[in-house]
Amino acid sequence: MLRSLVALKPPSSDEYTFQRNLSKTALEEALTNGAILWVDIYDGVEDDLPWLETQLALHPVVVQDLHREDRHPTLVVYPDYIFLSLIQPQIRLKKVQAIEIHCLIGDNFFVTVRRSEANPVDEAYNRISKLQTSWELGVTYFLFLTIQFVVDAYYPLLDKISFKLDDLENTILAGENVSQHALYHIKHQLIALRQMLAPQREVLSDVIGQERLIRTSETRDLFRHLYERLLRVYDMLDSQRDFTSNVLDLIQSQESFRLTSAVNRLTILSVIFFPLTFLVGLFGLNFITTDPGLVIPLSGTLVFLFIVGLVILSAAVIWWIFKRKGWL
């Protein structure tokens, strides 16, 4: 699909005349007459890319890049235009996916090639179509809005991850069991988002240094502000990754504490039963085969009750000692 926004300023007027969704023939004429164009190609690009290649005399490498999605931000400068690739993050089925947005920026044209899921282009396109005064800023402003909405696409994802981390932390502090699998899954999402954002930071820095795009101090300030927003997103990613690691450490500490507590309880039980086992074993060695000199001459009900009482008393004394030392 191909759609377009065209603004042409007649020689006898200081105001632009705006048109939408022109035919390819009309777009060719507008491009020849020096009109400002935004051409957006989404889905079904196979029918439109050959026309675009012919009209803009695209380099073969650029044509190949437009046909593929290697999911890596790129900035390449050509004599007549600049080729730029951006990455929009998206989470589907709990996995981070990258949607690539290709941009071609010339003196008076701005072309976007992408899939229909690339919402930042739709938002920037709609903003430009409604805010006609922005056409005075030229196609560089179109690029600015597109990058801005791409950067803004990270915020809802980070907020969603932040809410999950807060819920998991509250669950852990409440004493409930939490699987480490959920934390590792979030950590992998943050790593994937960071891998998308890091190269875009370098690309945006290169854009600021392009004099063909940044021609005024006002435009440079816009992109610097955008770069600072991207850095804030980058810092948020690092903070959430550190927070995830802290929550993982908390889970591991609780699991270690539970294991230690279980071992302590088993140890205490074994210590309590040690004198019981000794006493019962000692007085249970009166067999016929035992040397009469070694047989303990004890018998009768009172003796039996004395032995049972001694067993109970020894267990109670050990329990009291452990309780006093705070081991129970």
C-alpha atoms as a PDB file:
ATOM      1  CA  MET A   1       0.000   0.000   0.000  1.00  0.00           C
ATOM      2  CA  LEU A   2       1.146   3.536  -0.761  1.00  0.00           C
ATOM      3  CA  ARG A   3      -0.142   6.771   0.676  1.00  0.00           C
ATOM      4  CA  SER A   4       1.239  10.264   0.431  1.00  0.00           C
ATOM      5  CA  LEU A   5       1.132  13.807   1.726  1.00  0.00           C
ATOM      6  CA  VAL A   6       2.127  16.551  -0.714  1.00  0.00           C
ATOM      7  CA  ALA A   7       2.616  20.257  -0.067  1.00  0.00           C
ATOM      8  CA  LEU A   8       3.361  22.690  -2.888  1.00  0.00           C
ATOM      9  CA  LYS A   9       3.873  26.428  -2.563  1.00  0.00           C
ATOM     10  CA  PRO A  10       2.827  28.237  -5.777  1.00  0.00           C
ATOM     11  CA  PRO A  11       5.135  31.054  -6.945  1.00  0.00           C
ATOM     12  CA  SER A  12       2.370  33.619  -6.471  1.00  0.00           C
ATOM     13  CA  SER A  13       1.549  32.571  -2.898  1.00  0.00           C
ATOM     14  CA  ASP A  14       3.272  32.226   0.442  1.00  0.00           C
ATOM     15  CA  GLU A  15       0.990  29.432   1.588  1.00  0.00           C
ATOM     16  CA  TYR A  16       1.195  25.733   0.833  1.00  0.00           C
ATOM     17  CA  THR A  17      -1.487  23.824  -0.971  1.00  0.00           C
ATOM     18  CA  PHE A  18      -1.922  20.340   0.448  1.00  0.00           C
ATOM     19  CA  GLN A  19      -2.937  17.130  -1.266  1.00  0.00           C
ATOM     20  CA  ARG A  20      -3.266  13.536  -0.128  1.00  0.00           C
ATOM     21  CA  ASN A  21      -2.813  10.113  -1.659  1.00  0.00           C
ATOM     22  CA  LEU A  22      -1.876  11.194  -5.159  1.00  0.00           C
ATOM     23  CA  SER A  23      -1.355   8.727  -7.948  1.00  0.00           C
ATOM     24  CA  LYS A  24       2.184   7.734  -8.834  1.00  0.00           C
ATOM     25  CA  THR A  25       2.059   9.916 -11.940  1.00  0.00           C
ATOM     26  CA  ALA A  26       0.964  12.914  -9.878  1.00  0.00           C
ATOM     27  CA  LEU A  27       3.686  12.184  -7.338  1.00  0.00           C
ATOM     28  CA  GLU A  28       6.289  12.175 -10.090  1.00  0.00           C
ATOM     29  CA  GLU A  29       5.063  15.556 -11.280  1.00  0.00           C
ATOM     30  CA  ALA A  30       5.015  16.968  -7.741  1.00  0.00           C
ATOM     31  CA  LEU A  31       8.547  15.733  -7.139  1.00  0.00           C
ATOM     32  CA  THR A  32       9.688  17.415 -10.347  1.00  0.00           C
ATOM     33  CA  ASN A  33       7.994  20.693  -9.365  1.00  0.00           C
ATOM     34  CA  GLY A  34       9.829  20.819  -6.029  1.00  0.00           C
ATOM     35  CA  ALA A  35       6.896  19.936  -3.792  1.00  0.00           C
ATOM     36  CA  ILE A  36       7.482  18.568  -0.307  1.00  0.00           C
ATOM     37  CA  LEU A  37       6.431  14.926  -0.112  1.00  0.00           C
ATOM     38  CA  TRP A  38       5.953  12.252   2.461  1.00  0.00           C
ATOM     39  CA  VAL A  39       5.456   8.883   0.796  1.00  0.00           C
ATOM     40  CA  ASP A  40       4.564   6.046   3.150  1.00  0.00           C
ATOM     41  CA  ILE A  41       4.783   2.486   1.803  1.00  0.00           C
ATOM     42  CA  TYR A  42       3.523  -0.302   4.046  1.00  0.00           C
ATOM     43  CA  ASP A  43       2.899  -4.004   3.439  1.00  0.00           C
ATOM     44  CA  GLY A  44       2.721  -5.181  -0.164  1.00  0.00           C
ATOM     45  CA  VAL A  45       5.873  -3.202  -0.952  1.00  0.00           C
ATOM     46  CA  GLU A  46       6.817  -5.405  -3.889  1.00  0.00           C
ATOM     47  CA  ASP A  47       4.513  -3.406  -6.195  1.00  0.00           C
ATOM     48  CA  ASP A  48       5.771  -0.006  -5.070  1.00  0.00           C
ATOM     49  CA  LEU A  49       9.496  -0.432  -4.531  1.00  0.00           C
ATOM     50  CA  PRO A  50      10.388  -0.712  -8.251  1.00  0.00           C
ATOM     51  CA  TRP A  51       8.620   2.605  -8.862  1.00  0.00           C
ATOM     52  CA  LEU A  52      10.417   4.157  -5.884  1.00  0.00           C
ATOM     53  CA  GLU A  53      13.756   2.814  -7.091  1.00  0.00           C
ATOM     54  CA  THR A  54      13.254   4.414 -10.500  1.00  0.00           C
ATOM     55  CA  GLN A  55      12.068   7.804  -9.260  1.00  0.00           C
ATOM     56  CA  LEU A  56      14.768   8.302  -6.632  1.00  0.00           C
ATOM     57  CA  ALA A  57      17.558   6.457  -8.461  1.00  0.00           C
ATOM     58  CA  LEU A  58      18.171   4.320  -5.411  1.00  0.00           C
ATOM     59  CA  HIS A  59      21.450   2.542  -4.917  1.00  0.00           C
ATOM     60  CA  PRO A  60      21.188  -1.262  -5.345  1.00  0.00           C
ATOM     61  CA  VAL A  61      22.330  -1.772  -1.759  1.00  0.00           C
ATOM     62  CA  VAL A  62      19.501   0.456  -0.523  1.00  0.00           C
ATOM     63  CA  VAL A  63      17.005  -1.505  -2.600  1.00  0.00           C
ATOM     64  CA  GLN A  64      18.221  -4.722  -0.991  1.00  0.00           C
ATOM     65  CA  ASP A  65      17.934  -3.184   2.463  1.00  0.00           C
ATOM     66  CA  LEU A  66      14.363  -2.098   1.762  1.00  0.00           C
ATOM     67  CA  HIS A  67      13.442  -5.676   0.895  1.00  0.00           C
ATOM     68  CA  ARG A  68      14.888  -7.247   4.002  1.00  0.00           C
ATOM     69  CA  GLU A  69      14.700  -6.822   7.755  1.00  0.00           C
ATOM     70  CA  ASP A  70      17.992  -7.439   9.510  1.00  0.00           C
ATOM     71  CA  ARG A  71      16.691  -5.582  12.571  1.00  0.00           C
ATOM     72  CA  HIS A  72      19.725  -3.373  12.941  1.00  0.00           C
ATOM     73  CA  PRO A  73      19.596   0.454  12.990  1.00  0.00           C
ATOM     74  CA  THR A  74      21.574   1.966  10.130  1.00  0.00           C
ATOM     75  CA  LEU A  75      22.543   5.376   8.790  1.00  0.00           C
ATOM     76  CA  VAL A  76      24.089   5.619   5.321  1.00  0.00           C
ATOM     77  CA  VAL A  77      24.675   8.897   3.476  1.00  0.00           C
ATOM     78  CA  TYR A  78      24.338   8.999  -0.319  1.00  0.00           C
ATOM     79  CA  PRO A  79      24.819  12.016  -2.605  1.00  0.00           C
ATOM     80  CA  ASP A  80      21.097  12.670  -3.137  1.00  0.00           C
ATOM     81  CA  TYR A  81      19.519  11.209  -0.002  1.00  0.00           C
ATOM     82  CA  ILE A  82      20.150   9.647   3.381  1.00  0.00           C
ATOM     83  CA  PHE A  83      19.097   6.096   4.210  1.00  0.00           C
ATOM     84  CA  LEU A  84      18.080   5.443   7.800  1.00  0.00           C
ATOM     85  CA  SER A  85      16.709   2.350   9.545  1.00  0.00           C
ATOM     86  CA  LEU A  86      14.955   2.484  12.906  1.00  0.00           C
ATOM     87  CA  ILE A  87      13.749  -0.273  15.221  1.00  0.00           C
ATOM     88  CA  GLN A  88      10.388  -0.225  16.956  1.00  0.00           C
ATOM     89  CA  PRO A  89      10.088  -2.662  19.897  1.00  0.00           C
ATOM     90  CA  GLN A  90       7.038  -4.812  20.415  1.00  0.00           C
ATOM     91  CA  ILE A  91       6.190  -7.586  22.872  1.00  0.00           C
ATOM     92  CA  ARG A  92       4.176 -10.487  21.500  1.00  0.00           C
ATOM     93  CA  LEU A  93       3.564 -13.749  23.317  1.00  0.00           C
ATOM     94  CA  LYS A  94       5.926 -12.504  26.045  1.00  0.00           C
ATOM     95  CA  LYS A  95       8.754 -12.150  23.524  1.00  0.00           C
ATOM     96  CA  VAL A  96      10.359  -8.927  22.356  1.00  0.00           C
ATOM     97  CA  GLN A  97      10.081  -8.446  18.611  1.00  0.00           C
ATOM     98  CA  ALA A  98      11.641  -5.795  16.405  1.00  0.00           C
ATOM     99  CA  ILE A  99       9.762  -3.973  13.654  1.00  0.00           C
ATOM    100  CA  GLU A 100      12.069  -2.219  11.233  1.00  0.00           C
ATOM    101  CA  ILE A 101      11.256   1.172   9.753  1.00  0.00           C
ATOM    102  CA  HIS A 102      13.238   2.292   6.707  1.00  0.00           C
ATOM    103  CA  CYS A 103      13.497   6.010   5.945  1.00  0.00           C
ATOM    104  CA  LEU A 104      14.765   7.875   2.893  1.00  0.00           C
ATOM    105  CA  ILE A 105      15.391  11.579   3.418  1.00  0.00           C
ATOM    106  CA  GLY A 106      16.099  13.943   0.546  1.00  0.00           C
ATOM    107  CA  ASP A 107      15.988  17.698   0.149  1.00  0.00           C
ATOM    108  CA  ASN A 108      12.229  17.746  -0.353  1.00  0.00           C
ATOM    109  CA  PHE A 109      11.022  14.182   0.156  1.00  0.00           C
ATOM    110  CA  PHE A 110      10.640  11.796   3.055  1.00  0.00           C
ATOM    111  CA  VAL A 111       9.878   8.137   2.341  1.00  0.00           C
ATOM    112  CA  THR A 112       9.033   5.461   4.904  1.00  0.00           C
ATOM    113  CA  VAL A 113       8.960   1.753   4.101  1.00  0.00           C
ATOM    114  CA  ARG A 114       7.651  -0.540   6.826  1.00  0.00           C
ATOM    115  CA  ARG A 115       5.078  -3.071   7.962  1.00  0.00           C
ATOM    116  CA  SER A 116       1.629  -1.927   8.973  1.00  0.00           C
ATOM    117  CA  GLU A 117       2.408  -2.779  12.633  1.00  0.00           C
ATOM    118  CA  ALA A 118       4.853   0.141  12.776  1.00  0.00           C
ATOM    119  CA  ASN A 119       2.621   2.478  14.772  1.00  0.00           C
ATOM    120  CA  PRO A 120       5.176   5.308  15.188  1.00  0.00           C
ATOM    121  CA  VAL A 121       4.959   6.063  11.473  1.00  0.00           C
ATOM    122  CA  ASP A 122       1.165   6.234  11.641  1.00  0.00           C
ATOM    123  CA  GLU A 123       1.305   8.604  14.603  1.00  0.00           C
ATOM    124  CA  ALA A 124       3.874  10.890  12.969  1.00  0.00           C
ATOM    125  CA  TYR A 125       2.021  10.779   9.636  1.00  0.00           C
ATOM    126  CA  ASN A 126      -1.265  11.749  11.266  1.00  0.00           C
ATOM    127  CA  ARG A 127       0.412  14.530  13.236  1.00  0.00           C
ATOM    128  CA  ILE A 128       1.923  16.027  10.077  1.00  0.00           C
ATOM    129  CA  SER A 129      -1.341  15.754   8.167  1.00  0.00           C
ATOM    130  CA  LYS A 130      -3.160  17.732  10.881  1.00  0.00           C
ATOM    131  CA  LEU A 131      -0.420  20.221  11.757  1.00  0.00           C
ATOM    132  CA  GLN A 132       0.135  21.864   8.398  1.00  0.00           C
ATOM    133  CA  THR A 133       2.311  24.618   9.862  1.00  0.00           C
ATOM    134  CA  SER A 134       4.982  21.971  10.487  1.00  0.00           C
ATOM    135  CA  TRP A 135       5.644  21.782   6.751  1.00  0.00           C
ATOM    136  CA  GLU A 136       7.633  24.995   7.075  1.00  0.00           C
ATOM    137  CA  LEU A 137      10.231  23.001   9.024  1.00  0.00           C
ATOM    138  CA  GLY A 138      10.786  20.653   6.092  1.00  0.00           C
ATOM    139  CA  VAL A 139      11.298  16.909   5.860  1.00  0.00           C
ATOM    140  CA  THR A 140      13.776  16.929   8.746  1.00  0.00           C
ATOM    141  CA  TYR A 141      10.850  17.552  11.072  1.00  0.00           C
ATOM    142  CA  PHE A 142       9.104  14.499   9.606  1.00  0.00           C
ATOM    143  CA  LEU A 143      12.154  12.451  10.568  1.00  0.00           C
ATOM    144  CA  PHE A 144      12.199  14.020  14.023  1.00  0.00           C
ATOM    145  CA  LEU A 145       8.586  13.062  14.718  1.00  0.00           C
ATOM    146  CA  THR A 146       9.127   9.523  13.460  1.00  0.00           C
ATOM    147  CA  ILE A 147      12.152   8.991  15.705  1.00  0.00           C
ATOM    148  CA  GLN A 148      10.314  10.586  18.620  1.00  0.00           C
ATOM    149  CA  PHE A 149       7.414   8.155  18.385  1.00  0.00           C
ATOM    150  CA  VAL A 150       9.850   5.246  17.999  1.00  0.00           C
ATOM    151  CA  VAL A 151      11.554   6.285  21.242  1.00  0.00           C
ATOM    152  CA  ASP A 152       8.168   6.774  22.932  1.00  0.00           C
ATOM    153  CA  ALA A 153       7.248   3.189  22.008  1.00  0.00           C
ATOM    154  CA  TYR A 154       9.706   1.967  24.645  1.00  0.00           C
ATOM    155  CA  TYR A 155       7.911   3.644  27.559  1.00  0.00           C
ATOM    156  CA  PRO A 156       4.745   1.463  27.666  1.00  0.00           C
ATOM    157  CA  LEU A 157       6.874  -1.674  27.478  1.00  0.00           C
ATOM    158  CA  LEU A 158       9.134  -0.514  30.302  1.00  0.00           C
ATOM    159  CA  ASP A 159       6.119   0.489  32.408  1.00  0.00           C
ATOM    160  CA  LYS A 160       4.586  -2.937  31.903  1.00  0.00           C
ATOM    161  CA  ILE A 161       7.821  -4.651  32.918  1.00  0.00           C
ATOM    162  CA  SER A 162       8.135  -2.330  35.921  1.00  0.00           C
ATOM    163  CA  PHE A 163       4.639  -3.267  37.134  1.00  0.00           C
ATOM    164  CA  LYS A 164       5.508  -6.961  36.828  1.00  0.00           C
ATOM    165  CA  LEU A 165       8.687  -6.480  38.834  1.00  0.00           C
ATOM    166  CA  ASP A 166       6.819  -4.583  41.556  1.00  0.00           C
ATOM    167  CA  ASP A 167       4.199  -7.332  41.792  1.00  0.00           C
ATOM    168  CA  LEU A 168       6.871 -10.017  42.027  1.00  0.00           C
ATOM    169  CA  GLU A 169       8.743  -8.081  44.694  1.00  0.00           C
ATOM    170  CA  ASN A 170       5.574  -7.614  46.775  1.00  0.00           C
ATOM    171  CA  THR A 171       4.802 -11.307  46.420  1.00  0.00           C
ATOM    172  CA  ILE A 172       8.279 -12.228  47.617  1.00  0.00           C
ATOM    173  CA  LEU A 173       8.147  -9.848  50.575  1.00  0.00           C
ATOM    174  CA  ALA A 174       4.771 -11.340  51.512  1.00  0.00           C
ATOM    175  CA  GLY A 175       6.540 -14.673  51.969  1.00  0.00           C
ATOM    176  CA  GLU A 176       5.037 -16.413  48.960  1.00  0.00           C
ATOM    177  CA  ASN A 177       7.029 -18.536  46.580  1.00  0.00           C
ATOM    178  CA  VAL A 178       7.999 -17.019  43.220  1.00  0.00           C
ATOM    179  CA  SER A 179       9.558 -18.966  40.378  1.00  0.00           C
ATOM    180  CA  GLN A 180      12.875 -17.683  39.097  1.00  0.00           C
ATOM    181  CA  HIS A 181      11.700 -18.467  35.575  1.00  0.00           C
ATOM    182  CA  ALA A 182       9.491 -15.355  35.518  1.00  0.00           C
ATOM    183  CA  LEU A 183      12.418 -13.151  36.558  1.00  0.00           C
ATOM    184  CA  TYR A 184      14.769 -14.638  33.987  1.00  0.00           C
ATOM    185  CA  HIS A 185      12.108 -14.114  31.332  1.00  0.00           C
ATOM    186  CA  ILE A 186      11.852 -10.413  32.234  1.00  0.00           C
ATOM    187  CA  LYS A 187      15.626 -10.125  32.266  1.00  0.00           C
ATOM    188  CA  HIS A 188      15.815 -11.535  28.746  1.00  0.00           C
ATOM    189  CA  GLN A 189      13.198  -8.992  27.621  1.00  0.00           C
ATOM    190  CA  LEU A 190      15.252  -6.141  29.056  1.00  0.00           C
ATOM    191  CA  ILE A 191      18.400  -7.416  27.373  1.00  0.00           C
ATOM    192  CA  ALA A 192      16.587  -7.621  24.024  1.00  0.00           C
ATOM    193  CA  LEU A 193      15.269  -4.062  24.404  1.00  0.00           C
ATOM    194  CA  ARG A 194      18.730  -2.828  25.315  1.00  0.00           C
ATOM    195  CA  GLN A 195      20.216  -4.493  22.250  1.00  0.00           C
ATOM    196  CA  MET A 196      17.686  -2.635  20.100  1.00  0.00           C
ATOM    197  CA  LEU A 197      18.191   0.713  21.780  1.00  0.00           C
ATOM    198  CA  ALA A 198      21.986   0.836  21.990  1.00  0.00           C
ATOM    199  CA  PRO A 199      22.652   1.023  18.213  1.00  0.00           C
ATOM    200  CA  GLN A 200      19.806   3.527  17.776  1.00  0.00           C
ATOM    201  CA  ARG A 201      21.579   5.782  20.230  1.00  0.00           C
ATOM    202  CA  GLU A 202      24.624   5.771  17.954  1.00  0.00           C
ATOM    203  CA  VAL A 203      22.482   6.361  14.858  1.00  0.00           C
ATOM    204  CA  LEU A 204      20.728   9.338  16.444  1.00  0.00           C
ATOM    205  CA  SER A 205      24.097  10.772  17.441  1.00  0.00           C
ATOM    206  CA  ASP A 206      25.191  10.478  13.797  1.00  0.00           C
ATOM    207  CA  VAL A 207      21.972  12.182  12.663  1.00  0.00           C
ATOM    208  CA  ILE A 208      22.753  15.181  14.866  1.00  0.00           C
ATOM    209  CA  GLY A 209      26.118  15.468  13.145  1.00  0.00           C
ATOM    210  CA  GLN A 210      24.643  15.516   9.628  1.00  0.00           C
ATOM    211  CA  GLU A 211      24.674  19.077   8.323  1.00  0.00           C
ATOM    212  CA  ARG A 212      22.393  18.081   5.444  1.00  0.00           C
ATOM    213  CA  LEU A 213      19.686  17.285   7.976  1.00  0.00           C
ATOM    214  CA  ILE A 214      20.476  19.657  10.833  1.00  0.00           C
ATOM    215  CA  ARG A 215      20.666  23.074   9.199  1.00  0.00           C
ATOM    216  CA  THR A 216      19.500  25.352  12.018  1.00  0.00           C
ATOM    217  CA  SER A 217      20.206  25.605  15.723  1.00  0.00           C
ATOM    218  CA  GLU A 218      16.501  25.095  16.471  1.00  0.00           C
ATOM    219  CA  THR A 219      16.507  21.787  14.612  1.00  0.00           C
ATOM    220  CA  ARG A 220      19.690  20.741  16.390  1.00  0.00           C
ATOM    221  CA  ASP A 221      18.074  21.502  19.743  1.00  0.00           C
ATOM    222  CA  LEU A 222      15.093  19.343  18.818  1.00  0.00           C
ATOM    223  CA  PHE A 223      17.273  16.346  18.027  1.00  0.00           C
ATOM    224  CA  ARG A 224      19.445  16.894  21.089  1.00  0.00           C
ATOM    225  CA  HIS A 225      16.332  16.864  23.243  1.00  0.00           C
ATOM    226  CA  LEU A 226      15.299  13.663  21.502  1.00  0.00           C
ATOM    227  CA  TYR A 227      18.738  12.187  22.139  1.00  0.00           C
ATOM    228  CA  GLU A 228      18.411  13.006  25.842  1.00  0.00           C
ATOM    229  CA  ARG A 229      15.039  11.244  25.945  1.00  0.00           C
ATOM    230  CA  LEU A 230      16.614   8.200  24.359  1.00  0.00           C
ATOM    231  CA  LEU A 231      19.374   8.269  26.977  1.00  0.00           C
ATOM    232  CA  ARG A 232      16.730   8.376  29.722  1.00  0.00           C
ATOM    233  CA  VAL A 233      15.102   5.292  28.239  1.00  0.00           C
ATOM    234  CA  TYR A 234      18.515   3.645  28.162  1.00  0.00           C
ATOM    235  CA  ASP A 235      19.042   4.501  31.832  1.00  0.00           C
ATOM    236  CA  MET A 236      15.596   3.113  32.663  1.00  0.00           C
ATOM    237  CA  LEU A 237      16.551  -0.150  30.969  1.00  0.00           C
ATOM    238  CA  ASP A 238      19.726  -0.392  33.010  1.00  0.00           C
ATOM    239  CA  SER A 239      17.869   0.440  36.226  1.00  0.00           C
ATOM    240  CA  GLN A 240      15.221  -2.194  35.613  1.00  0.00           C
ATOM    241  CA  ARG A 241      17.863  -4.751  34.715  1.00  0.00           C
ATOM    242  CA  ASP A 242      19.660  -4.041  38.001  1.00  0.00           C
ATOM    243  CA  PHE A 243      16.336  -4.207  39.843  1.00  0.00           C
ATOM    244  CA  THR A 244      15.633  -7.583  38.232  1.00  0.00           C
ATOM    245  CA  SER A 245      19.010  -8.850  39.403  1.00  0.00           C
ATOM    246  CA  ASN A 246      18.240  -7.629  42.929  1.00  0.00           C
ATOM    247  CA  VAL A 247      14.889  -9.424  42.937  1.00  0.00           C
ATOM    248  CA  LEU A 248      16.617 -12.588  41.721  1.00  0.00           C
ATOM    249  CA  ASP A 249      19.122 -12.268  44.559  1.00  0.00           C
ATOM    250  CA  LEU A 250      16.218 -11.841  46.977  1.00  0.00           C
ATOM    251  CA  ILE A 251      14.556 -15.015  45.689  1.00  0.00           C
ATOM    252  CA  GLN A 252      17.797 -16.956  45.940  1.00  0.00           C
ATOM    253  CA  SER A 253      18.378 -15.640  49.472  1.00  0.00           C
ATOM    254  CA  GLN A 254      14.908 -16.757  50.532  1.00  0.00           C
ATOM    255  CA  GLU A 255      15.401 -20.182  48.986  1.00  0.00           C
ATOM    256  CA  SER A 256      18.774 -20.467  50.724  1.00  0.00           C
ATOM    257  CA  PHE A 257      17.148 -19.419  54.002  1.00  0.00           C
ATOM    258  CA  ARG A 258      14.425 -22.049  53.609  1.00  0.00           C
ATOM    259  CA  LEU A 259      17.026 -24.710  52.871  1.00  0.00           C
ATOM    260  CA  THR A 260      19.127 -23.673  55.862  1.00  0.00           C
ATOM    261  CA  SER A 261      16.049 -23.701  58.103  1.00  0.00           C
ATOM    262  CA  ALA A 262      15.148 -27.187  56.930  1.00  0.00           C
ATOM    263  CA  VAL A 263      18.679 -28.435  57.585  1.00  0.00           C
ATOM    264  CA  ASN A 264      18.637 -26.826  61.031  1.00  0.00           C
ATOM    265  CA  ARG A 265      15.367 -28.507  61.921  1.00  0.00           C
ATOM    266  CA  LEU A 266      16.674 -31.873  60.804  1.00  0.00           C
ATOM    267  CA  THR A 267      19.887 -31.323  62.756  1.00  0.00           C
ATOM    268  CA  ILE A 268      17.962 -30.396  65.897  1.00  0.00           C
ATOM    269  CA  LEU A 269      15.779 -33.480  65.567  1.00  0.00           C
ATOM    270  CA  SER A 270      18.817 -35.690  65.151  1.00  0.00           C
ATOM    271  CA  VAL A 271      20.499 -34.144  68.216  1.00  0.00           C
ATOM    272  CA  ILE A 272      17.334 -34.592  70.292  1.00  0.00           C
ATOM    273  CA  PHE A 273      17.042 -38.224  69.282  1.00  0.00           C
ATOM    274  CA  PHE A 274      20.724 -38.936  69.913  1.00  0.00           C
ATOM    275  CA  PRO A 275      20.449 -39.454  73.720  1.00  0.00           C
ATOM    276  CA  LEU A 276      17.157 -41.261  73.197  1.00  0.00           C
ATOM    277  CA  THR A 277      18.827 -43.660  70.849  1.00  0.00           C
ATOM    278  CA  PHE A 278      21.784 -44.064  73.194  1.00  0.00           C
ATOM    279  CA  LEU A 279      19.664 -44.806  76.264  1.00  0.00           C
ATOM    280  CA  VAL A 280      17.282 -47.144  74.504  1.00  0.00           C
ATOM    281  CA  GLY A 281      20.175 -48.908  72.858  1.00  0.00           C
ATOM    282  CA  LEU A 282      22.131 -49.166  76.084  1.00  0.00           C
ATOM    283  CA  PHE A 283      19.316 -50.730  78.060  1.00  0.00           C
ATOM    284  CA  GLY A 284      18.273 -52.884  75.170  1.00  0.00           C
ATOM    285  CA  LEU A 285      21.510 -54.921  75.083  1.00  0.00           C
ATOM    286  CA  ASN A 286      20.315 -57.506  77.610  1.00  0.00           C
ATOM    287  CA  PHE A 287      20.344 -60.555  75.354  1.00  0.00           C
ATOM    288  CA  ILE A 288      20.919 -64.119  76.285  1.00  0.00           C
ATOM    289  CA  THR A 289      24.166 -64.161  74.343  1.00  0.00           C
ATOM    290  CA  THR A 290      25.507 -61.182  76.286  1.00  0.00           C
ATOM    291  CA  ASP A 291      28.223 -61.897  78.865  1.00  0.00           C
ATOM    292  CA  PRO A 292      26.497 -61.972  82.263  1.00  0.00           C
ATOM    293  CA  GLY A 293      29.146 -59.679  83.624  1.00  0.00           C
ATOM    294  CA  LEU A 294      28.118 -56.965  81.170  1.00  0.00           C
ATOM    295  CA  VAL A 295      24.372 -57.259  81.689  1.00  0.00           C
ATOM    296  CA  ILE A 296      22.877 -54.333  83.586  1.00  0.00           C
ATOM    297  CA  PRO A 297      20.826 -55.896  86.406  1.00  0.00           C
ATOM    298  CA  LEU A 298      17.739 -53.780  85.981  1.00  0.00           C
ATOM    299  CA  SER A 299      14.182 -55.032  85.906  1.00  0.00           C
ATOM    300  CA  GLY A 300      10.738 -54.136  87.056  1.00  0.00           C
ATOM    301  CA  THR A 301       8.096 -51.529  86.285  1.00  0.00           C
ATOM    302  CA  LEU A 302       9.785 -48.751  88.239  1.00  0.00           C
ATOM    303  CA  VAL A 303      13.002 -49.229  86.343  1.00  0.00           C
ATOM    304  CA  PHE A 304      11.123 -49.101  83.042  1.00  0.00           C
ATOM    305  CA  LEU A 305       9.357 -45.902  84.043  1.00  0.00           C
ATOM    306  CA  PHE A 306      12.676 -44.434  85.207  1.00  0.00           C
ATOM    307  CA  ILE A 307      14.272 -45.121  81.830  1.00  0.00           C
ATOM    308  CA  VAL A 308      11.302 -43.642  79.958  1.00  0.00           C
ATOM    309  CA  GLY A 309      11.389 -40.564  82.181  1.00  0.00           C
ATOM    310  CA  LEU A 310      15.132 -40.208  81.637  1.00  0.00           C
ATOM    311  CA  VAL A 311      14.585 -40.311  77.869  1.00  0.00           C
ATOM    312  CA  ILE A 312      11.873 -37.654  78.037  1.00  0.00           C
ATOM    313  CA  LEU A 313      13.915 -35.503  80.394  1.00  0.00           C
ATOM    314  CA  SER A 314      16.991 -35.602  78.149  1.00  0.00           C
ATOM    315  CA  ALA A 315      14.910 -34.580  75.127  1.00  0.00           C
ATOM    316  CA  ALA A 316      13.309 -31.732  77.097  1.00  0.00           C
ATOM    317  CA  VAL A 317      16.674 -30.465  78.353  1.00  0.00           C
ATOM    318  CA  ILE A 318      18.122 -30.399  74.839  1.00  0.00           C
ATOM    319  CA  TRP A 319      15.000 -28.632  73.532  1.00  0.00           C
ATOM    320  CA  TRP A 320      15.287 -26.029  76.342  1.00  0.00           C
ATOM    321  CA  ILE A 321      18.960 -25.403  75.581  1.00  0.00           C
ATOM    322  CA  PHE A 322      18.228 -24.871  71.862  1.00  0.00           C
ATOM    323  CA  LYS A 323      15.293 -22.617  72.695  1.00  0.00           C
ATOM    324  CA  ARG A 324      17.391 -20.492  75.043  1.00  0.00           C
ATOM    325  CA  LYS A 325      20.106 -20.021  72.432  1.00  0.00           C
ATOM    326  CA  GLY A 326      17.529 -18.978  69.827  1.00  0.00           C
ATOM    327  CA  TRP A 327      18.051 -21.950  67.566  1.00  0.00           C
ATOM    328  CA  LEU A 328      14.358 -22.831  67.666  1.00  0.00           C
END
